[in-house]
PDB file of all heavy atoms in Angstrom:
ATOM      1  N   ALA A   1      10.500 -30.953   3.414  1.00  0.00           N
ATOM      2  CA  ALA A   1      11.389 -29.995   4.051  1.00  0.00           C
ATOM      3  C   ALA A   1      12.290 -29.266   3.041  1.00  0.00           C
ATOM      4  O   ALA A   1      12.656 -28.121   3.229  1.00  0.00           O
ATOM      5  CB  ALA A   1      12.245 -30.680   5.106  1.00  0.00           C
ATOM      6  N   LYS A   2      12.611 -29.951   1.952  1.00  0.00           N
ATOM      7  CA  LYS A   2      13.506 -29.372   0.940  1.00  0.00           C
ATOM      8  C   LYS A   2      12.802 -28.481  -0.067  1.00  0.00           C
ATOM      9  O   LYS A   2      13.453 -27.693  -0.760  1.00  0.00           O
ATOM     10  CB  LYS A   2      14.225 -30.502   0.190  1.00  0.00           C
ATOM     11  CG  LYS A   2      15.233 -31.247   1.043  1.00  0.00           C
ATOM     12  CD  LYS A   2      15.857 -32.393   0.275  1.00  0.00           C
ATOM     13  CE  LYS A   2      16.857 -33.118   1.178  1.00  0.00           C
ATOM     14  NZ  LYS A   2      17.467 -34.250   0.478  1.00  0.00           N
ATOM     15  N   LEU A   3      11.492 -28.600  -0.196  1.00  0.00           N
ATOM     16  CA  LEU A   3      10.774 -27.886  -1.254  1.00  0.00           C
ATOM     17  C   LEU A   3      10.930 -26.363  -1.205  1.00  0.00           C
ATOM     18  O   LEU A   3      11.125 -25.744  -2.261  1.00  0.00           O
ATOM     19  CB  LEU A   3       9.303 -28.299  -1.277  1.00  0.00           C
ATOM     20  CG  LEU A   3       9.048 -29.687  -1.801  1.00  0.00           C
ATOM     21  CD1 LEU A   3       7.556 -30.014  -1.751  1.00  0.00           C
ATOM     22  CD2 LEU A   3       9.580 -29.889  -3.204  1.00  0.00           C
ATOM     23  N   PRO A   4      10.840 -25.709  -0.030  1.00  0.00           N
ATOM     24  CA  PRO A   4      11.055 -24.248  -0.060  1.00  0.00           C
ATOM     25  C   PRO A   4      12.427 -23.865  -0.621  1.00  0.00           C
ATOM     26  O   PRO A   4      12.535 -22.918  -1.398  1.00  0.00           O
ATOM     27  CB  PRO A   4      10.921 -23.840   1.421  1.00  0.00           C
ATOM     28  CG  PRO A   4      10.042 -24.885   2.017  1.00  0.00           C
ATOM     29  CD  PRO A   4      10.425 -26.162   1.303  1.00  0.00           C
ATOM     30  N   HIS A   5      13.452 -24.619  -0.271  1.00  0.00           N
ATOM     31  CA  HIS A   5      14.794 -24.307  -0.776  1.00  0.00           C
ATOM     32  C   HIS A   5      14.880 -24.554  -2.283  1.00  0.00           C
ATOM     33  O   HIS A   5      15.477 -23.756  -3.016  1.00  0.00           O
ATOM     34  CB  HIS A   5      15.868 -25.126  -0.046  1.00  0.00           C
ATOM     35  CG  HIS A   5      17.251 -24.788  -0.499  1.00  0.00           C
ATOM     36  ND1 HIS A   5      17.927 -23.695  -0.020  1.00  0.00           N
ATOM     37  CD2 HIS A   5      18.053 -25.386  -1.408  1.00  0.00           C
ATOM     38  CE1 HIS A   5      19.109 -23.621  -0.629  1.00  0.00           C
ATOM     39  NE2 HIS A   5      19.215 -24.638  -1.465  1.00  0.00           N
ATOM     40  N   ILE A   6      14.277 -25.631  -2.757  1.00  0.00           N
ATOM     41  CA  ILE A   6      14.297 -25.945  -4.195  1.00  0.00           C
ATOM     42  C   ILE A   6      13.575 -24.838  -4.966  1.00  0.00           C
ATOM     43  O   ILE A   6      14.077 -24.319  -5.969  1.00  0.00           O
ATOM     44  CB  ILE A   6      13.671 -27.319  -4.482  1.00  0.00           C
ATOM     45  CG1 ILE A   6      14.556 -28.431  -3.893  1.00  0.00           C
ATOM     46  CG2 ILE A   6      13.446 -27.521  -5.969  1.00  0.00           C
ATOM     47  CD1 ILE A   6      13.891 -29.794  -3.849  1.00  0.00           C
ATOM     48  N   ALA A   7      12.391 -24.462  -4.482  1.00  0.00           N
ATOM     49  CA  ALA A   7      11.629 -23.390  -5.156  1.00  0.00           C
ATOM     50  C   ALA A   7      12.394 -22.085  -5.121  1.00  0.00           C
ATOM     51  O   ALA A   7      12.478 -21.356  -6.123  1.00  0.00           O
ATOM     52  CB  ALA A   7      10.259 -23.226  -4.488  1.00  0.00           C
ATOM     53  N   ALA A   8      13.011 -21.773  -3.982  1.00  0.00           N
ATOM     54  CA  ALA A   8      13.773 -20.531  -3.855  1.00  0.00           C
ATOM     55  C   ALA A   8      14.992 -20.542  -4.769  1.00  0.00           C
ATOM     56  O   ALA A   8      15.354 -19.522  -5.349  1.00  0.00           O
ATOM     57  CB  ALA A   8      14.191 -20.318  -2.400  1.00  0.00           C
ATOM     58  N   LYS A   9      15.642 -21.686  -4.895  1.00  0.00           N
ATOM     59  CA  LYS A   9      16.814 -21.783  -5.778  1.00  0.00           C
ATOM     60  C   LYS A   9      16.424 -21.521  -7.229  1.00  0.00           C
ATOM     61  O   LYS A   9      17.116 -20.780  -7.949  1.00  0.00           O
ATOM     62  CB  LYS A   9      17.468 -23.158  -5.629  1.00  0.00           C
ATOM     63  CG  LYS A   9      18.760 -23.322  -6.407  1.00  0.00           C
ATOM     64  CD  LYS A   9      19.836 -22.389  -5.895  1.00  0.00           C
ATOM     65  CE  LYS A   9      21.150 -22.620  -6.601  1.00  0.00           C
ATOM     66  NZ  LYS A   9      22.114 -21.563  -6.313  1.00  0.00           N
ATOM     67  N   ILE A  10      15.320 -22.100  -7.645  1.00  0.00           N
ATOM     68  CA  ILE A  10      14.847 -21.853  -9.015  1.00  0.00           C
ATOM     69  C   ILE A  10      14.540 -20.374  -9.196  1.00  0.00           C
ATOM     70  O   ILE A  10      14.942 -19.756 -10.193  1.00  0.00           O
ATOM     71  CB  ILE A  10      13.617 -22.731  -9.321  1.00  0.00           C
ATOM     72  CG1 ILE A  10      14.027 -24.203  -9.363  1.00  0.00           C
ATOM     73  CG2 ILE A  10      12.955 -22.305 -10.632  1.00  0.00           C
ATOM     74  CD1 ILE A  10      12.859 -25.172  -9.355  1.00  0.00           C
ATOM     75  N   TYR A  11      13.837 -19.790  -8.238  1.00  0.00           N
ATOM     76  CA  TYR A  11      13.483 -18.364  -8.307  1.00  0.00           C
ATOM     77  C   TYR A  11      14.735 -17.487  -8.336  1.00  0.00           C
ATOM     78  O   TYR A  11      14.863 -16.588  -9.169  1.00  0.00           O
ATOM     79  CB  TYR A  11      12.591 -17.992  -7.125  1.00  0.00           C
ATOM     80  CG  TYR A  11      12.265 -16.529  -7.042  1.00  0.00           C
ATOM     81  CD1 TYR A  11      11.292 -15.979  -7.874  1.00  0.00           C
ATOM     82  CD2 TYR A  11      12.920 -15.696  -6.150  1.00  0.00           C
ATOM     83  CE1 TYR A  11      10.976 -14.634  -7.818  1.00  0.00           C
ATOM     84  CE2 TYR A  11      12.622 -14.350  -6.095  1.00  0.00           C
ATOM     85  CZ  TYR A  11      11.645 -13.822  -6.919  1.00  0.00           C
ATOM     86  OH  TYR A  11      11.353 -12.478  -6.853  1.00  0.00           O
ATOM     87  N   GLN A  12      15.661 -17.747  -7.408  1.00  0.00           N
ATOM     88  CA  GLN A  12      16.877 -16.935  -7.321  1.00  0.00           C
ATOM     89  C   GLN A  12      17.706 -17.072  -8.591  1.00  0.00           C
ATOM     90  O   GLN A  12      18.279 -16.098  -9.082  1.00  0.00           O
ATOM     91  CB  GLN A  12      17.700 -17.326  -6.089  1.00  0.00           C
ATOM     92  CG  GLN A  12      17.048 -16.987  -4.766  1.00  0.00           C
ATOM     93  CD  GLN A  12      16.919 -15.501  -4.502  1.00  0.00           C
ATOM     94  OE1 GLN A  12      17.537 -14.661  -5.154  1.00  0.00           O
ATOM     95  NE2 GLN A  12      16.084 -15.144  -3.547  1.00  0.00           N
ATOM     96  N   ASN A  13      17.811 -18.270  -9.137  1.00  0.00           N
ATOM     97  CA  ASN A  13      18.567 -18.477 -10.365  1.00  0.00           C
ATOM     98  C   ASN A  13      17.924 -17.783 -11.558  1.00  0.00           C
ATOM     99  O   ASN A  13      18.617 -17.300 -12.460  1.00  0.00           O
ATOM    100  CB  ASN A  13      18.716 -19.964 -10.673  1.00  0.00           C
ATOM    101  CG  ASN A  13      19.731 -20.649  -9.794  1.00  0.00           C
ATOM    102  OD1 ASN A  13      20.444 -20.021  -9.021  1.00  0.00           O
ATOM    103  ND2 ASN A  13      19.778 -21.967  -9.865  1.00  0.00           N
ATOM    104  N   THR A  14      16.601 -17.744 -11.581  1.00  0.00           N
ATOM    105  CA  THR A  14      15.881 -17.184 -12.717  1.00  0.00           C
ATOM    106  C   THR A  14      15.762 -15.668 -12.650  1.00  0.00           C
ATOM    107  O   THR A  14      15.941 -14.989 -13.665  1.00  0.00           O
ATOM    108  CB  THR A  14      14.466 -17.801 -12.805  1.00  0.00           C
ATOM    109  OG1 THR A  14      14.598 -19.224 -12.888  1.00  0.00           O
ATOM    110  CG2 THR A  14      13.725 -17.295 -14.035  1.00  0.00           C
ATOM    111  N   TYR A  15      15.483 -15.129 -11.461  1.00  0.00           N
ATOM    112  CA  TYR A  15      15.134 -13.717 -11.365  1.00  0.00           C
ATOM    113  C   TYR A  15      16.079 -12.862 -10.531  1.00  0.00           C
ATOM    114  O   TYR A  15      15.991 -11.635 -10.587  1.00  0.00           O
ATOM    115  CB  TYR A  15      13.717 -13.558 -10.785  1.00  0.00           C
ATOM    116  CG  TYR A  15      12.673 -14.221 -11.622  1.00  0.00           C
ATOM    117  CD1 TYR A  15      12.076 -15.401 -11.214  1.00  0.00           C
ATOM    118  CD2 TYR A  15      12.292 -13.678 -12.843  1.00  0.00           C
ATOM    119  CE1 TYR A  15      11.109 -16.020 -11.994  1.00  0.00           C
ATOM    120  CE2 TYR A  15      11.329 -14.289 -13.624  1.00  0.00           C
ATOM    121  CZ  TYR A  15      10.737 -15.441 -13.196  1.00  0.00           C
ATOM    122  OH  TYR A  15       9.797 -16.051 -13.964  1.00  0.00           O
ATOM    123  N   LYS A  16      16.923 -13.450  -9.753  1.00  0.00           N
ATOM    124  CA  LYS A  16      17.740 -12.656  -8.821  1.00  0.00           C
ATOM    125  C   LYS A  16      19.230 -12.958  -9.010  1.00  0.00           C
ATOM    126  O   LYS A  16      19.679 -13.184 -10.101  1.00  0.00           O
ATOM    127  CB  LYS A  16      17.283 -12.933  -7.372  1.00  0.00           C
ATOM    128  CG  LYS A  16      15.841 -12.569  -7.080  1.00  0.00           C
ATOM    129  CD  LYS A  16      15.636 -11.073  -7.092  1.00  0.00           C
ATOM    130  CE  LYS A  16      14.183 -10.752  -6.762  1.00  0.00           C
ATOM    131  NZ  LYS A  16      13.966  -9.381  -6.529  1.00  0.00           N
ATOM    132  N   ASN A  17      19.938 -13.017  -7.887  1.00  0.00           N
ATOM    133  CA  ASN A  17      21.395 -13.106  -7.911  1.00  0.00           C
ATOM    134  C   ASN A  17      21.949 -14.521  -7.730  1.00  0.00           C
ATOM    135  O   ASN A  17      23.128 -14.677  -7.449  1.00  0.00           O
ATOM    136  CB  ASN A  17      21.972 -12.211  -6.831  1.00  0.00           C
ATOM    137  CG  ASN A  17      21.519 -12.624  -5.440  1.00  0.00           C
ATOM    138  OD1 ASN A  17      20.859 -13.639  -5.263  1.00  0.00           O
ATOM    139  ND2 ASN A  17      21.882 -11.824  -4.455  1.00  0.00           N
ATOM    140  N   ARG A  18      21.103 -15.534  -7.848  1.00  0.00           N
ATOM    141  CA  ARG A  18      21.496 -16.940  -7.751  1.00  0.00           C
ATOM    142  C   ARG A  18      21.859 -17.370  -6.333  1.00  0.00           C
ATOM    143  O   ARG A  18      22.332 -18.480  -6.119  1.00  0.00           O
ATOM    144  CB  ARG A  18      22.630 -17.267  -8.714  1.00  0.00           C
ATOM    145  CG  ARG A  18      22.322 -16.897 -10.160  1.00  0.00           C
ATOM    146  CD  ARG A  18      23.426 -17.268 -11.114  1.00  0.00           C
ATOM    147  NE  ARG A  18      23.626 -18.695 -11.269  1.00  0.00           N
ATOM    148  CZ  ARG A  18      22.909 -19.503 -12.061  1.00  0.00           C
ATOM    149  NH1 ARG A  18      21.951 -19.001 -12.777  1.00  0.00           N
ATOM    150  NH2 ARG A  18      23.177 -20.781 -12.131  1.00  0.00           N
ATOM    151  N   VAL A  19      21.680 -16.503  -5.325  1.00  0.00           N
ATOM    152  CA  VAL A  19      22.023 -16.832  -3.944  1.00  0.00           C
ATOM    153  C   VAL A  19      20.722 -16.981  -3.144  1.00  0.00           C
ATOM    154  O   VAL A  19      19.911 -16.070  -3.106  1.00  0.00           O
ATOM    155  CB  VAL A  19      22.895 -15.739  -3.323  1.00  0.00           C
ATOM    156  CG1 VAL A  19      23.164 -16.017  -1.862  1.00  0.00           C
ATOM    157  CG2 VAL A  19      24.192 -15.585  -4.100  1.00  0.00           C
ATOM    158  N   VAL A  20      20.557 -18.137  -2.510  1.00  0.00           N
ATOM    159  CA  VAL A  20      19.387 -18.377  -1.683  1.00  0.00           C
ATOM    160  C   VAL A  20      19.714 -17.927  -0.268  1.00  0.00           C
ATOM    161  O   VAL A  20      20.680 -18.403   0.330  1.00  0.00           O
ATOM    162  CB  VAL A  20      18.973 -19.870  -1.687  1.00  0.00           C
ATOM    163  CG1 VAL A  20      17.804 -20.121  -0.750  1.00  0.00           C
ATOM    164  CG2 VAL A  20      18.661 -20.326  -3.088  1.00  0.00           C
ATOM    165  N   PRO A  21      18.919 -17.005   0.295  1.00  0.00           N
ATOM    166  CA  PRO A  21      19.166 -16.584   1.682  1.00  0.00           C
ATOM    167  C   PRO A  21      19.078 -17.775   2.643  1.00  0.00           C
ATOM    168  O   PRO A  21      18.386 -18.766   2.373  1.00  0.00           O
ATOM    169  CB  PRO A  21      18.020 -15.591   1.953  1.00  0.00           C
ATOM    170  CG  PRO A  21      17.642 -15.073   0.612  1.00  0.00           C
ATOM    171  CD  PRO A  21      17.830 -16.250  -0.319  1.00  0.00           C
ATOM    172  N   SER A  22      19.778 -17.665   3.748  1.00  0.00           N
ATOM    173  CA  SER A  22      19.767 -18.736   4.753  1.00  0.00           C
ATOM    174  C   SER A  22      18.366 -18.950   5.287  1.00  0.00           C
ATOM    175  O   SER A  22      17.584 -18.004   5.409  1.00  0.00           O
ATOM    176  CB  SER A  22      20.686 -18.372   5.919  1.00  0.00           C
ATOM    177  OG  SER A  22      22.018 -18.275   5.466  1.00  0.00           O
ATOM    178  N   PRO A  23      18.046 -20.204   5.620  1.00  0.00           N
ATOM    179  CA  PRO A  23      16.726 -20.494   6.188  1.00  0.00           C
ATOM    180  C   PRO A  23      16.528 -19.764   7.521  1.00  0.00           C
ATOM    181  O   PRO A  23      17.486 -19.417   8.205  1.00  0.00           O
ATOM    182  CB  PRO A  23      16.746 -22.001   6.415  1.00  0.00           C
ATOM    183  CG  PRO A  23      17.928 -22.524   5.696  1.00  0.00           C
ATOM    184  CD  PRO A  23      18.876 -21.387   5.484  1.00  0.00           C
ATOM    185  N   ALA A  24      15.273 -19.565   7.868  1.00  0.00           N
ATOM    186  CA  ALA A  24      14.914 -18.957   9.151  1.00  0.00           C
ATOM    187  C   ALA A  24      14.695 -20.087  10.156  1.00  0.00           C
ATOM    188  O   ALA A  24      13.722 -20.829  10.027  1.00  0.00           O
ATOM    189  CB  ALA A  24      13.661 -18.117   8.998  1.00  0.00           C
ATOM    190  N   PRO A  25      15.572 -20.230  11.132  1.00  0.00           N
ATOM    191  CA  PRO A  25      15.433 -21.335  12.097  1.00  0.00           C
ATOM    192  C   PRO A  25      14.071 -21.318  12.785  1.00  0.00           C
ATOM    193  O   PRO A  25      13.612 -20.285  13.260  1.00  0.00           O
ATOM    194  CB  PRO A  25      16.562 -21.082  13.108  1.00  0.00           C
ATOM    195  CG  PRO A  25      17.521 -20.194  12.387  1.00  0.00           C
ATOM    196  CD  PRO A  25      16.708 -19.368  11.430  1.00  0.00           C
ATOM    197  N   GLY A  26      13.421 -22.478  12.802  1.00  0.00           N
ATOM    198  CA  GLY A  26      12.154 -22.617  13.493  1.00  0.00           C
ATOM    199  C   GLY A  26      10.948 -22.021  12.789  1.00  0.00           C
ATOM    200  O   GLY A  26       9.842 -22.063  13.320  1.00  0.00           O
ATOM    201  N   ALA A  27      11.131 -21.488  11.596  1.00  0.00           N
ATOM    202  CA  ALA A  27      10.019 -20.865  10.872  1.00  0.00           C
ATOM    203  C   ALA A  27       9.127 -21.920  10.235  1.00  0.00           C
ATOM    204  O   ALA A  27       9.578 -23.008   9.900  1.00  0.00           O
ATOM    205  CB  ALA A  27      10.553 -19.927   9.790  1.00  0.00           C
ATOM    206  N   ASP A  28       7.839 -21.565  10.070  1.00  0.00           N
ATOM    207  CA  ASP A  28       6.936 -22.490   9.386  1.00  0.00           C
ATOM    208  C   ASP A  28       7.256 -22.496   7.894  1.00  0.00           C
ATOM    209  O   ASP A  28       8.085 -21.734   7.411  1.00  0.00           O
ATOM    210  CB  ASP A  28       5.467 -22.101   9.633  1.00  0.00           C
ATOM    211  CG  ASP A  28       5.108 -20.723   9.111  1.00  0.00           C
ATOM    212  OD1 ASP A  28       5.183 -20.500   7.890  1.00  0.00           O
ATOM    213  OD2 ASP A  28       4.752 -19.862   9.936  1.00  0.00           O
ATOM    214  N   TRP A  29       6.569 -23.370   7.154  1.00  0.00           N
ATOM    215  CA  TRP A  29       6.867 -23.576   5.739  1.00  0.00           C
ATOM    216  C   TRP A  29       6.676 -22.321   4.921  1.00  0.00           C
ATOM    217  O   TRP A  29       7.487 -21.996   4.064  1.00  0.00           O
ATOM    218  CB  TRP A  29       5.951 -24.703   5.252  1.00  0.00           C
ATOM    219  CG  TRP A  29       6.540 -25.644   4.269  1.00  0.00           C
ATOM    220  CD1 TRP A  29       7.761 -26.234   4.315  1.00  0.00           C
ATOM    221  CD2 TRP A  29       5.900 -26.113   3.094  1.00  0.00           C
ATOM    222  NE1 TRP A  29       7.915 -27.068   3.222  1.00  0.00           N
ATOM    223  CE2 TRP A  29       6.771 -27.012   2.475  1.00  0.00           C
ATOM    224  CE3 TRP A  29       4.663 -25.885   2.503  1.00  0.00           C
ATOM    225  CZ2 TRP A  29       6.473 -27.656   1.287  1.00  0.00           C
ATOM    226  CZ3 TRP A  29       4.355 -26.544   1.329  1.00  0.00           C
ATOM    227  CH2 TRP A  29       5.257 -27.413   0.743  1.00  0.00           C
ATOM    228  N   GLY A  30       5.593 -21.569   5.151  1.00  0.00           N
ATOM    229  CA  GLY A  30       5.336 -20.343   4.408  1.00  0.00           C
ATOM    230  C   GLY A  30       6.372 -19.284   4.672  1.00  0.00           C
ATOM    231  O   GLY A  30       6.855 -18.600   3.760  1.00  0.00           O
ATOM    232  N   LYS A  31       6.736 -19.103   5.927  1.00  0.00           N
ATOM    233  CA  LYS A  31       7.768 -18.122   6.299  1.00  0.00           C
ATOM    234  C   LYS A  31       9.107 -18.538   5.699  1.00  0.00           C
ATOM    235  O   LYS A  31       9.848 -17.701   5.167  1.00  0.00           O
ATOM    236  CB  LYS A  31       7.869 -18.025   7.822  1.00  0.00           C
ATOM    237  CG  LYS A  31       9.002 -17.178   8.335  1.00  0.00           C
ATOM    238  CD  LYS A  31       8.723 -15.720   8.204  1.00  0.00           C
ATOM    239  CE  LYS A  31       9.817 -14.906   8.881  1.00  0.00           C
ATOM    240  NZ  LYS A  31       9.597 -13.483   8.732  1.00  0.00           N
ATOM    241  N   GLN A  32       9.409 -19.830   5.761  1.00  0.00           N
ATOM    242  CA  GLN A  32      10.655 -20.336   5.191  1.00  0.00           C
ATOM    243  C   GLN A  32      10.748 -20.004   3.690  1.00  0.00           C
ATOM    244  O   GLN A  32      11.793 -19.553   3.206  1.00  0.00           O
ATOM    245  CB  GLN A  32      10.700 -21.853   5.395  1.00  0.00           C
ATOM    246  CG  GLN A  32      12.067 -22.454   5.421  1.00  0.00           C
ATOM    247  CD  GLN A  32      12.865 -21.958   6.583  1.00  0.00           C
ATOM    248  OE1 GLN A  32      13.612 -20.993   6.436  1.00  0.00           O
ATOM    249  NE2 GLN A  32      12.772 -22.592   7.726  1.00  0.00           N
ATOM    250  N   LEU A  33       9.651 -20.233   2.979  1.00  0.00           N
ATOM    251  CA  LEU A  33       9.642 -19.934   1.552  1.00  0.00           C
ATOM    252  C   LEU A  33       9.834 -18.440   1.314  1.00  0.00           C
ATOM    253  O   LEU A  33      10.643 -18.045   0.471  1.00  0.00           O
ATOM    254  CB  LEU A  33       8.345 -20.429   0.907  1.00  0.00           C
ATOM    255  CG  LEU A  33       8.223 -20.190  -0.595  1.00  0.00           C
ATOM    256  CD1 LEU A  33       9.370 -20.831  -1.370  1.00  0.00           C
ATOM    257  CD2 LEU A  33       6.881 -20.721  -1.106  1.00  0.00           C
ATOM    258  N   ALA A  34       9.121 -17.610   2.059  1.00  0.00           N
ATOM    259  CA  ALA A  34       9.250 -16.164   1.899  1.00  0.00           C
ATOM    260  C   ALA A  34      10.682 -15.698   2.123  1.00  0.00           C
ATOM    261  O   ALA A  34      11.245 -14.943   1.314  1.00  0.00           O
ATOM    262  CB  ALA A  34       8.291 -15.438   2.847  1.00  0.00           C
ATOM    263  N   VAL A  35      11.270 -16.173   3.200  1.00  0.00           N
ATOM    264  CA  VAL A  35      12.655 -15.774   3.542  1.00  0.00           C
ATOM    265  C   VAL A  35      13.622 -16.223   2.459  1.00  0.00           C
ATOM    266  O   VAL A  35      14.474 -15.452   2.007  1.00  0.00           O
ATOM    267  CB  VAL A  35      13.062 -16.360   4.919  1.00  0.00           C
ATOM    268  CG1 VAL A  35      14.559 -16.252   5.145  1.00  0.00           C
ATOM    269  CG2 VAL A  35      12.299 -15.662   6.030  1.00  0.00           C
ATOM    270  N   GLN A  36      13.497 -17.455   1.991  1.00  0.00           N
ATOM    271  CA  GLN A  36      14.441 -17.969   1.006  1.00  0.00           C
ATOM    272  C   GLN A  36      14.217 -17.377  -0.378  1.00  0.00           C
ATOM    273  O   GLN A  36      15.127 -17.361  -1.203  1.00  0.00           O
ATOM    274  CB  GLN A  36      14.422 -19.493   0.991  1.00  0.00           C
ATOM    275  CG  GLN A  36      14.997 -20.048   2.302  1.00  0.00           C
ATOM    276  CD  GLN A  36      15.204 -21.536   2.261  1.00  0.00           C
ATOM    277  OE1 GLN A  36      14.383 -22.289   1.754  1.00  0.00           O
ATOM    278  NE2 GLN A  36      16.314 -21.980   2.824  1.00  0.00           N
ATOM    279  N   LEU A  37      12.999 -16.861  -0.622  1.00  0.00           N
ATOM    280  CA  LEU A  37      12.781 -16.122  -1.862  1.00  0.00           C
ATOM    281  C   LEU A  37      13.399 -14.720  -1.784  1.00  0.00           C
ATOM    282  O   LEU A  37      13.580 -14.056  -2.787  1.00  0.00           O
ATOM    283  CB  LEU A  37      11.287 -16.010  -2.178  1.00  0.00           C
ATOM    284  CG  LEU A  37      10.584 -17.294  -2.620  1.00  0.00           C
ATOM    285  CD1 LEU A  37       9.087 -17.055  -2.757  1.00  0.00           C
ATOM    286  CD2 LEU A  37      11.169 -17.837  -3.908  1.00  0.00           C
ATOM    287  N   GLY A  38      13.698 -14.289  -0.557  1.00  0.00           N
ATOM    288  CA  GLY A  38      14.349 -12.991  -0.359  1.00  0.00           C
ATOM    289  C   GLY A  38      13.414 -11.890   0.102  1.00  0.00           C
ATOM    290  O   GLY A  38      13.748 -10.712   0.006  1.00  0.00           O
ATOM    291  N   TYR A  39      12.251 -12.260   0.643  1.00  0.00           N
ATOM    292  CA  TYR A  39      11.282 -11.270   1.118  1.00  0.00           C
ATOM    293  C   TYR A  39      11.095 -11.428   2.619  1.00  0.00           C
ATOM    294  O   TYR A  39      10.983 -12.533   3.115  1.00  0.00           O
ATOM    295  CB  TYR A  39       9.943 -11.455   0.402  1.00  0.00           C
ATOM    296  CG  TYR A  39      10.062 -11.249  -1.088  1.00  0.00           C
ATOM    297  CD1 TYR A  39      10.306 -12.318  -1.944  1.00  0.00           C
ATOM    298  CD2 TYR A  39       9.957  -9.977  -1.630  1.00  0.00           C
ATOM    299  CE1 TYR A  39      10.435 -12.119  -3.312  1.00  0.00           C
ATOM    300  CE2 TYR A  39      10.075  -9.773  -3.001  1.00  0.00           C
ATOM    301  CZ  TYR A  39      10.307 -10.861  -3.834  1.00  0.00           C
ATOM    302  OH  TYR A  39      10.447 -10.665  -5.181  1.00  0.00           O
ATOM    303  N   ASP A  40      11.037 -10.297   3.324  1.00  0.00           N
ATOM    304  CA  ASP A  40      10.917 -10.392   4.774  1.00  0.00           C
ATOM    305  C   ASP A  40       9.694  -9.672   5.345  1.00  0.00           C
ATOM    306  O   ASP A  40       9.541  -9.559   6.541  1.00  0.00           O
ATOM    307  CB  ASP A  40      12.187  -9.894   5.453  1.00  0.00           C
ATOM    308  CG  ASP A  40      12.474  -8.428   5.177  1.00  0.00           C
ATOM    309  OD1 ASP A  40      11.680  -7.773   4.465  1.00  0.00           O
ATOM    310  OD2 ASP A  40      13.490  -7.920   5.673  1.00  0.00           O
ATOM    311  N   SER A  41       8.795  -9.215   4.493  1.00  0.00           N
ATOM    312  CA  SER A  41       7.617  -8.523   5.008  1.00  0.00           C
ATOM    313  C   SER A  41       6.572  -9.512   5.500  1.00  0.00           C
ATOM    314  O   SER A  41       6.454 -10.629   4.964  1.00  0.00           O
ATOM    315  CB  SER A  41       6.996  -7.619   3.932  1.00  0.00           C
ATOM    316  OG  SER A  41       6.328  -8.391   2.956  1.00  0.00           O
ATOM    317  N   GLN A  42       5.812  -9.112   6.496  1.00  0.00           N
ATOM    318  CA  GLN A  42       4.738  -9.934   7.029  1.00  0.00           C
ATOM    319  C   GLN A  42       3.676 -10.194   5.968  1.00  0.00           C
ATOM    320  O   GLN A  42       3.120 -11.285   5.888  1.00  0.00           O
ATOM    321  CB  GLN A  42       4.114  -9.272   8.268  1.00  0.00           C
ATOM    322  CG  GLN A  42       3.046 -10.100   8.945  1.00  0.00           C
ATOM    323  CD  GLN A  42       3.551 -11.443   9.467  1.00  0.00           C
ATOM    324  OE1 GLN A  42       4.719 -11.588   9.849  1.00  0.00           O
ATOM    325  NE2 GLN A  42       2.694 -12.433   9.481  1.00  0.00           N
ATOM    326  N   GLU A  43       3.403  -9.192   5.131  1.00  0.00           N
ATOM    327  CA  GLU A  43       2.386  -9.342   4.079  1.00  0.00           C
ATOM    328  C   GLU A  43       2.779 -10.439   3.091  1.00  0.00           C
ATOM    329  O   GLU A  43       1.951 -11.256   2.698  1.00  0.00           O
ATOM    330  CB  GLU A  43       2.170  -8.017   3.325  1.00  0.00           C
ATOM    331  CG  GLU A  43       1.546  -6.929   4.160  1.00  0.00           C
ATOM    332  CD  GLU A  43       2.555  -6.157   5.007  1.00  0.00           C
ATOM    333  OE1 GLU A  43       3.791  -6.338   4.810  1.00  0.00           O
ATOM    334  OE2 GLU A  43       2.125  -5.378   5.851  1.00  0.00           O
ATOM    335  N   PHE A  44       4.051 -10.455   2.684  1.00  0.00           N
ATOM    336  CA  PHE A  44       4.492 -11.476   1.729  1.00  0.00           C
ATOM    337  C   PHE A  44       4.474 -12.853   2.375  1.00  0.00           C
ATOM    338  O   PHE A  44       4.109 -13.845   1.731  1.00  0.00           O
ATOM    339  CB  PHE A  44       5.875 -11.146   1.173  1.00  0.00           C
ATOM    340  CG  PHE A  44       6.250 -12.020   0.005  1.00  0.00           C
ATOM    341  CD1 PHE A  44       5.789 -11.724  -1.268  1.00  0.00           C
ATOM    342  CD2 PHE A  44       7.027 -13.156   0.172  1.00  0.00           C
ATOM    343  CE1 PHE A  44       6.095 -12.536  -2.352  1.00  0.00           C
ATOM    344  CE2 PHE A  44       7.353 -13.980  -0.893  1.00  0.00           C
ATOM    345  CZ  PHE A  44       6.878 -13.660  -2.165  1.00  0.00           C
ATOM    346  N   THR A  45       4.842 -12.923   3.651  1.00  0.00           N
ATOM    347  CA  THR A  45       4.807 -14.201   4.363  1.00  0.00           C
ATOM    348  C   THR A  45       3.377 -14.717   4.409  1.00  0.00           C
ATOM    349  O   THR A  45       3.141 -15.910   4.141  1.00  0.00           O
ATOM    350  CB  THR A  45       5.369 -14.049   5.791  1.00  0.00           C
ATOM    351  OG1 THR A  45       6.746 -13.671   5.706  1.00  0.00           O
ATOM    352  CG2 THR A  45       5.246 -15.332   6.590  1.00  0.00           C
TER     353      THR A  45
END
């Protein structure tokens, strides 16, 4: 359950603004990762 947030934190710290977007309640693992990486398109999900 923590892996999407951990991956997103590493990504945000390395390439973006160091802020991980809030999780998407009820989203599956892939959607959760996409959202926390900062992408909201269906294609990226």
